[in-house]
Amino acid sequence: IEKVRDAFRALPDGRKRSNARLYEMEDAALSAFAVFFSQSPSFLDSQVRMQKQCVLSAQLQTRGGA
């Protein structure tokens, strides 16, 4: 991920410097990369799947299966 981060850090940013600018181009690019990398049809779908995995993991630990 560091190579990806380094590549995104090098992206040009045409916006004016300002104290109101909260996010760098690197942040925006990493967010977009995360969406495509997750292979979920939506952010909500990825959150629902992650929650189900956490519940399943907790159930397995409670039963001594993991």
PDB file of N, CA and C in Angstrom:
ATOM      1  N   ILE A   1       0.822  -1.199   0.000  1.00  0.00           N
ATOM      2  CA  ILE A   1       0.000   0.000   0.000  1.00  0.00           C
ATOM      3  C   ILE A   1       0.868   1.267   0.000  1.00  0.00           C
ATOM      4  N   GLU A   2       2.083   1.144   0.513  1.00  0.00           N
ATOM      5  CA  GLU A   2       2.963   2.318   0.537  1.00  0.00           C
ATOM      6  C   GLU A   2       3.300   2.809  -0.869  1.00  0.00           C
ATOM      7  N   LYS A   3       3.461   1.883  -1.814  1.00  0.00           N
ATOM      8  CA  LYS A   3       3.742   2.299  -3.197  1.00  0.00           C
ATOM      9  C   LYS A   3       2.550   3.044  -3.785  1.00  0.00           C
ATOM     10  N   VAL A   4       1.349   2.564  -3.486  1.00  0.00           N
ATOM     11  CA  VAL A   4       0.136   3.236  -3.957  1.00  0.00           C
ATOM     12  C   VAL A   4       0.056   4.618  -3.319  1.00  0.00           C
ATOM     13  N   ARG A   5       0.293   4.675  -2.024  1.00  0.00           N
ATOM     14  CA  ARG A   5       0.255   5.958  -1.308  1.00  0.00           C
ATOM     15  C   ARG A   5       1.279   6.939  -1.888  1.00  0.00           C
ATOM     16  N   ASP A   6       2.483   6.455  -2.166  1.00  0.00           N
ATOM     17  CA  ASP A   6       3.518   7.320  -2.748  1.00  0.00           C
ATOM     18  C   ASP A   6       3.099   7.855  -4.115  1.00  0.00           C
ATOM     19  N   ALA A   7       2.482   6.992  -4.919  1.00  0.00           N
ATOM     20  CA  ALA A   7       2.018   7.423  -6.243  1.00  0.00           C
ATOM     21  C   ALA A   7       0.931   8.489  -6.109  1.00  0.00           C
ATOM     22  N   PHE A   8       0.018   8.301  -5.177  1.00  0.00           N
ATOM     23  CA  PHE A   8      -1.050   9.273  -4.976  1.00  0.00           C
ATOM     24  C   PHE A   8      -0.510  10.579  -4.398  1.00  0.00           C
ATOM     25  N   ARG A   9       0.511  10.494  -3.577  1.00  0.00           N
ATOM     26  CA  ARG A   9       1.123  11.686  -2.992  1.00  0.00           C
ATOM     27  C   ARG A   9       1.712  12.584  -4.088  1.00  0.00           C
ATOM     28  N   ALA A  10       2.111  11.968  -5.195  1.00  0.00           N
ATOM     29  CA  ALA A  10       2.734  12.711  -6.296  1.00  0.00           C
ATOM     30  C   ALA A  10       1.712  13.335  -7.252  1.00  0.00           C
ATOM     31  N   LEU A  11       0.421  13.089  -7.048  1.00  0.00           N
ATOM     32  CA  LEU A  11      -0.601  13.659  -7.933  1.00  0.00           C
ATOM     33  C   LEU A  11      -0.601  15.183  -7.837  1.00  0.00           C
ATOM     34  N   PRO A  12      -0.743  15.854  -8.970  1.00  0.00           N
ATOM     35  CA  PRO A  12      -0.794  17.318  -8.931  1.00  0.00           C
ATOM     36  C   PRO A  12      -2.118  17.799  -8.335  1.00  0.00           C
ATOM     37  N   ASP A  13      -2.059  18.908  -7.637  1.00  0.00           N
ATOM     38  CA  ASP A  13      -3.255  19.488  -7.028  1.00  0.00           C
ATOM     39  C   ASP A  13      -3.376  20.928  -7.508  1.00  0.00           C
ATOM     40  N   GLY A  14      -4.348  21.182  -8.364  1.00  0.00           N
ATOM     41  CA  GLY A  14      -4.520  22.506  -8.950  1.00  0.00           C
ATOM     42  C   GLY A  14      -5.256  23.491  -8.059  1.00  0.00           C
ATOM     43  N   ARG A  15      -5.693  23.056  -6.890  1.00  0.00           N
ATOM     44  CA  ARG A  15      -6.430  23.963  -6.008  1.00  0.00           C
ATOM     45  C   ARG A  15      -5.488  24.965  -5.343  1.00  0.00           C
ATOM     46  N   LYS A  16      -6.037  26.118  -4.980  1.00  0.00           N
ATOM     47  CA  LYS A  16      -5.258  27.126  -4.262  1.00  0.00           C
ATOM     48  C   LYS A  16      -4.994  26.643  -2.841  1.00  0.00           C
ATOM     49  N   ARG A  17      -3.842  27.010  -2.315  1.00  0.00           N
ATOM     50  CA  ARG A  17      -3.537  26.717  -0.908  1.00  0.00           C
ATOM     51  C   ARG A  17      -4.496  27.523  -0.038  1.00  0.00           C
ATOM     52  N   SER A  18      -5.029  26.882   0.996  1.00  0.00           N
ATOM     53  CA  SER A  18      -5.988  27.557   1.859  1.00  0.00           C
ATOM     54  C   SER A  18      -6.099  26.801   3.174  1.00  0.00           C
ATOM     55  N   ASN A  19      -6.417  27.512   4.233  1.00  0.00           N
ATOM     56  CA  ASN A  19      -6.659  26.862   5.521  1.00  0.00           C
ATOM     57  C   ASN A  19      -7.954  26.062   5.495  1.00  0.00           C
ATOM     58  N   ALA A  20      -8.837  26.374   4.549  1.00  0.00           N
ATOM     59  CA  ALA A  20     -10.110  25.674   4.436  1.00  0.00           C
ATOM     60  C   ALA A  20      -9.967  24.333   3.721  1.00  0.00           C
ATOM     61  N   ARG A  21      -8.827  24.106   3.103  1.00  0.00           N
ATOM     62  CA  ARG A  21      -8.609  22.852   2.371  1.00  0.00           C
ATOM     63  C   ARG A  21      -8.261  21.755   3.380  1.00  0.00           C
ATOM     64  N   LEU A  22      -9.201  20.850   3.598  1.00  0.00           N
ATOM     65  CA  LEU A  22      -9.031  19.827   4.630  1.00  0.00           C
ATOM     66  C   LEU A  22      -8.341  18.570   4.129  1.00  0.00           C
ATOM     67  N   TYR A  23      -8.541  18.231   2.871  1.00  0.00           N
ATOM     68  CA  TYR A  23      -8.056  16.951   2.367  1.00  0.00           C
ATOM     69  C   TYR A  23      -7.062  17.146   1.232  1.00  0.00           C
ATOM     70  N   GLU A  24      -6.035  16.353   1.259  1.00  0.00           N
ATOM     71  CA  GLU A  24      -5.042  16.370   0.194  1.00  0.00           C
ATOM     72  C   GLU A  24      -5.497  15.443  -0.927  1.00  0.00           C
ATOM     73  N   MET A  25      -4.884  15.574  -2.090  1.00  0.00           N
ATOM     74  CA  MET A  25      -5.203  14.697  -3.224  1.00  0.00           C
ATOM     75  C   MET A  25      -4.959  13.233  -2.860  1.00  0.00           C
ATOM     76  N   GLU A  26      -3.935  12.995  -2.077  1.00  0.00           N
ATOM     77  CA  GLU A  26      -3.617  11.635  -1.627  1.00  0.00           C
ATOM     78  C   GLU A  26      -4.812  11.012  -0.902  1.00  0.00           C
ATOM     79  N   ASP A  27      -5.468  11.782  -0.034  1.00  0.00           N
ATOM     80  CA  ASP A  27      -6.617  11.280   0.718  1.00  0.00           C
ATOM     81  C   ASP A  27      -7.779  10.922  -0.209  1.00  0.00           C
ATOM     82  N   ALA A  28      -8.058  11.810  -1.161  1.00  0.00           N
ATOM     83  CA  ALA A  28      -9.157  11.562  -2.099  1.00  0.00           C
ATOM     84  C   ALA A  28      -8.875  10.335  -2.959  1.00  0.00           C
ATOM     85  N   ALA A  29      -7.640  10.218  -3.438  1.00  0.00           N
ATOM     86  CA  ALA A  29      -7.277   9.084  -4.288  1.00  0.00           C
ATOM     87  C   ALA A  29      -7.314   7.775  -3.506  1.00  0.00           C
ATOM     88  N   LEU A  30      -6.846   7.783  -2.259  1.00  0.00           N
ATOM     89  CA  LEU A  30      -6.897   6.563  -1.440  1.00  0.00           C
ATOM     90  C   LEU A  30      -8.339   6.149  -1.161  1.00  0.00           C
ATOM     91  N   SER A  31      -9.220   7.110  -0.966  1.00  0.00           N
ATOM     92  CA  SER A  31     -10.635   6.798  -0.750  1.00  0.00           C
ATOM     93  C   SER A  31     -11.248   6.144  -1.980  1.00  0.00           C
ATOM     94  N   ALA A  32     -10.951   6.701  -3.141  1.00  0.00           N
ATOM     95  CA  ALA A  32     -11.460   6.116  -4.386  1.00  0.00           C
ATOM     96  C   ALA A  32     -10.885   4.722  -4.598  1.00  0.00           C
ATOM     97  N   PHE A  33      -9.609   4.554  -4.314  1.00  0.00           N
ATOM     98  CA  PHE A  33      -8.964   3.245  -4.449  1.00  0.00           C
ATOM     99  C   PHE A  33      -9.639   2.223  -3.540  1.00  0.00           C
ATOM    100  N   ALA A  34      -9.961   2.618  -2.320  1.00  0.00           N
ATOM    101  CA  ALA A  34     -10.595   1.706  -1.365  1.00  0.00           C
ATOM    102  C   ALA A  34     -11.943   1.216  -1.878  1.00  0.00           C
ATOM    103  N   VAL A  35     -12.714   2.110  -2.483  1.00  0.00           N
ATOM    104  CA  VAL A  35     -14.024   1.725  -3.015  1.00  0.00           C
ATOM    105  C   VAL A  35     -13.871   0.679  -4.113  1.00  0.00           C
ATOM    106  N   PHE A  36     -12.946   0.894  -5.034  1.00  0.00           N
ATOM    107  CA  PHE A  36     -12.763  -0.050  -6.132  1.00  0.00           C
ATOM    108  C   PHE A  36     -12.100  -1.336  -5.669  1.00  0.00           C
ATOM    109  N   PHE A  37     -11.210  -1.245  -4.712  1.00  0.00           N
ATOM    110  CA  PHE A  37     -10.497  -2.417  -4.214  1.00  0.00           C
ATOM    111  C   PHE A  37     -11.428  -3.351  -3.457  1.00  0.00           C
ATOM    112  N   SER A  38     -12.435  -2.804  -2.792  1.00  0.00           N
ATOM    113  CA  SER A  38     -13.327  -3.619  -1.958  1.00  0.00           C
ATOM    114  C   SER A  38     -14.210  -4.554  -2.778  1.00  0.00           C
ATOM    115  N   GLN A  39     -14.439  -4.231  -4.036  1.00  0.00           N
ATOM    116  CA  GLN A  39     -15.268  -5.046  -4.928  1.00  0.00           C
ATOM    117  C   GLN A  39     -16.718  -5.165  -4.459  1.00  0.00           C
ATOM    118  N   SER A  40     -17.163  -4.265  -3.624  1.00  0.00           N
ATOM    119  CA  SER A  40     -18.555  -4.239  -3.190  1.00  0.00           C
ATOM    120  C   SER A  40     -19.332  -3.304  -4.107  1.00  0.00           C
ATOM    121  N   PRO A  41     -20.605  -3.615  -4.350  1.00  0.00           N
ATOM    122  CA  PRO A  41     -21.389  -2.745  -5.225  1.00  0.00           C
ATOM    123  C   PRO A  41     -21.660  -1.371  -4.613  1.00  0.00           C
ATOM    124  N   SER A  42     -21.550  -1.271  -3.286  1.00  0.00           N
ATOM    125  CA  SER A  42     -21.763   0.019  -2.637  1.00  0.00           C
ATOM    126  C   SER A  42     -21.041   0.046  -1.299  1.00  0.00           C
ATOM    127  N   PHE A  43     -20.896   1.241  -0.755  1.00  0.00           N
ATOM    128  CA  PHE A  43     -20.277   1.376   0.563  1.00  0.00           C
ATOM    129  C   PHE A  43     -21.140   0.683   1.611  1.00  0.00           C
ATOM    130  N   LEU A  44     -22.464   0.847   1.503  1.00  0.00           N
ATOM    131  CA  LEU A  44     -23.372   0.212   2.461  1.00  0.00           C
ATOM    132  C   LEU A  44     -23.223  -1.304   2.424  1.00  0.00           C
ATOM    133  N   ASP A  45     -23.141  -1.874   1.228  1.00  0.00           N
ATOM    134  CA  ASP A  45     -22.974  -3.319   1.105  1.00  0.00           C
ATOM    135  C   ASP A  45     -21.694  -3.779   1.791  1.00  0.00           C
ATOM    136  N   SER A  46     -20.627  -3.038   1.628  1.00  0.00           N
ATOM    137  CA  SER A  46     -19.367  -3.436   2.268  1.00  0.00           C
ATOM    138  C   SER A  46     -19.481  -3.353   3.783  1.00  0.00           C
ATOM    139  N   GLN A  47     -20.205  -2.361   4.294  1.00  0.00           N
ATOM    140  CA  GLN A  47     -20.387  -2.243   5.740  1.00  0.00           C
ATOM    141  C   GLN A  47     -21.239  -3.385   6.294  1.00  0.00           C
ATOM    142  N   VAL A  48     -22.295  -3.757   5.569  1.00  0.00           N
ATOM    143  CA  VAL A  48     -23.157  -4.868   5.994  1.00  0.00           C
ATOM    144  C   VAL A  48     -22.367  -6.170   6.007  1.00  0.00           C
ATOM    145  N   ARG A  49     -21.575  -6.406   4.960  1.00  0.00           N
ATOM    146  CA  ARG A  49     -20.758  -7.628   4.914  1.00  0.00           C
ATOM    147  C   ARG A  49     -19.744  -7.660   6.044  1.00  0.00           C
ATOM    148  N   MET A  50     -19.125  -6.526   6.320  1.00  0.00           N
ATOM    149  CA  MET A  50     -18.136  -6.467   7.391  1.00  0.00           C
ATOM    150  C   MET A  50     -18.795  -6.747   8.747  1.00  0.00           C
ATOM    151  N   GLN A  51     -19.993  -6.202   8.955  1.00  0.00           N
ATOM    152  CA  GLN A  51     -20.703  -6.434  10.211  1.00  0.00           C
ATOM    153  C   GLN A  51     -21.060  -7.911  10.364  1.00  0.00           C
ATOM    154  N   LYS A  52     -21.510  -8.547   9.287  1.00  0.00           N
ATOM    155  CA  LYS A  52     -21.838  -9.974   9.344  1.00  0.00           C
ATOM    156  C   LYS A  52     -20.604 -10.806   9.670  1.00  0.00           C
ATOM    157  N   GLN A  53     -19.464 -10.439   9.096  1.00  0.00           N
ATOM    158  CA  GLN A  53     -18.224 -11.163   9.370  1.00  0.00           C
ATOM    159  C   GLN A  53     -17.822 -11.011  10.829  1.00  0.00           C
ATOM    160  N   CYS A  54     -18.015  -9.825  11.395  1.00  0.00           N
ATOM    161  CA  CYS A  54     -17.678  -9.597  12.804  1.00  0.00           C
ATOM    162  C   CYS A  54     -18.586 -10.410  13.717  1.00  0.00           C
ATOM    163  N   VAL A  55     -19.867 -10.454  13.403  1.00  0.00           N
ATOM    164  CA  VAL A  55     -20.818 -11.236  14.200  1.00  0.00           C
ATOM    165  C   VAL A  55     -20.461 -12.713  14.128  1.00  0.00           C
ATOM    166  N   LEU A  56     -20.174 -13.220  12.939  1.00  0.00           N
ATOM    167  CA  LEU A  56     -19.804 -14.622  12.775  1.00  0.00           C
ATOM    168  C   LEU A  56     -18.528 -14.935  13.545  1.00  0.00           C
ATOM    169  N   SER A  57     -17.558 -14.061  13.471  1.00  0.00           N
ATOM    170  CA  SER A  57     -16.296 -14.260  14.186  1.00  0.00           C
ATOM    171  C   SER A  57     -16.536 -14.308  15.693  1.00  0.00           C
ATOM    172  N   ALA A  58     -17.379 -13.414  16.199  1.00  0.00           N
ATOM    173  CA  ALA A  58     -17.692 -13.393  17.633  1.00  0.00           C
ATOM    174  C   ALA A  58     -18.412 -14.668  18.049  1.00  0.00           C
ATOM    175  N   GLN A  59     -19.324 -15.153  17.209  1.00  0.00           N
ATOM    176  CA  GLN A  59     -20.042 -16.393  17.519  1.00  0.00           C
ATOM    177  C   GLN A  59     -19.087 -17.576  17.564  1.00  0.00           C
ATOM    178  N   LEU A  60     -18.159 -17.631  16.628  1.00  0.00           N
ATOM    179  CA  LEU A  60     -17.190 -18.726  16.608  1.00  0.00           C
ATOM    180  C   LEU A  60     -16.287 -18.683  17.838  1.00  0.00           C
ATOM    181  N   GLN A  61     -15.881 -17.502  18.244  1.00  0.00           N
ATOM    182  CA  GLN A  61     -15.028 -17.380  19.425  1.00  0.00           C
ATOM    183  C   GLN A  61     -15.777 -17.793  20.682  1.00  0.00           C
ATOM    184  N   THR A  62     -17.059 -17.437  20.767  1.00  0.00           N
ATOM    185  CA  THR A  62     -17.870 -17.796  21.926  1.00  0.00           C
ATOM    186  C   THR A  62     -18.025 -19.308  22.032  1.00  0.00           C
ATOM    187  N   ARG A  63     -18.135 -19.968  20.902  1.00  0.00           N
ATOM    188  CA  ARG A  63     -18.310 -21.425  20.880  1.00  0.00           C
ATOM    189  C   ARG A  63     -16.978 -22.167  20.908  1.00  0.00           C
ATOM    190  N   GLY A  64     -15.887 -21.427  20.904  1.00  0.00           N
ATOM    191  CA  GLY A  64     -14.573 -22.057  20.933  1.00  0.00           C
ATOM    192  C   GLY A  64     -14.114 -22.572  19.589  1.00  0.00           C
ATOM    193  N   GLY A  65     -14.726 -22.090  18.518  1.00  0.00           N
ATOM    194  CA  GLY A  65     -14.379 -22.564  17.184  1.00  0.00           C
ATOM    195  C   GLY A  65     -13.260 -21.797  16.524  1.00  0.00           C
ATOM    196  N   ALA A  66     -12.839 -20.705  17.122  1.00  0.00           N
ATOM    197  CA  ALA A  66     -11.771 -19.914  16.481  1.00  0.00           C
ATOM    198  C   ALA A  66     -10.747 -19.478  17.491  1.00  0.00           C
TER     199      ALA A  66
END
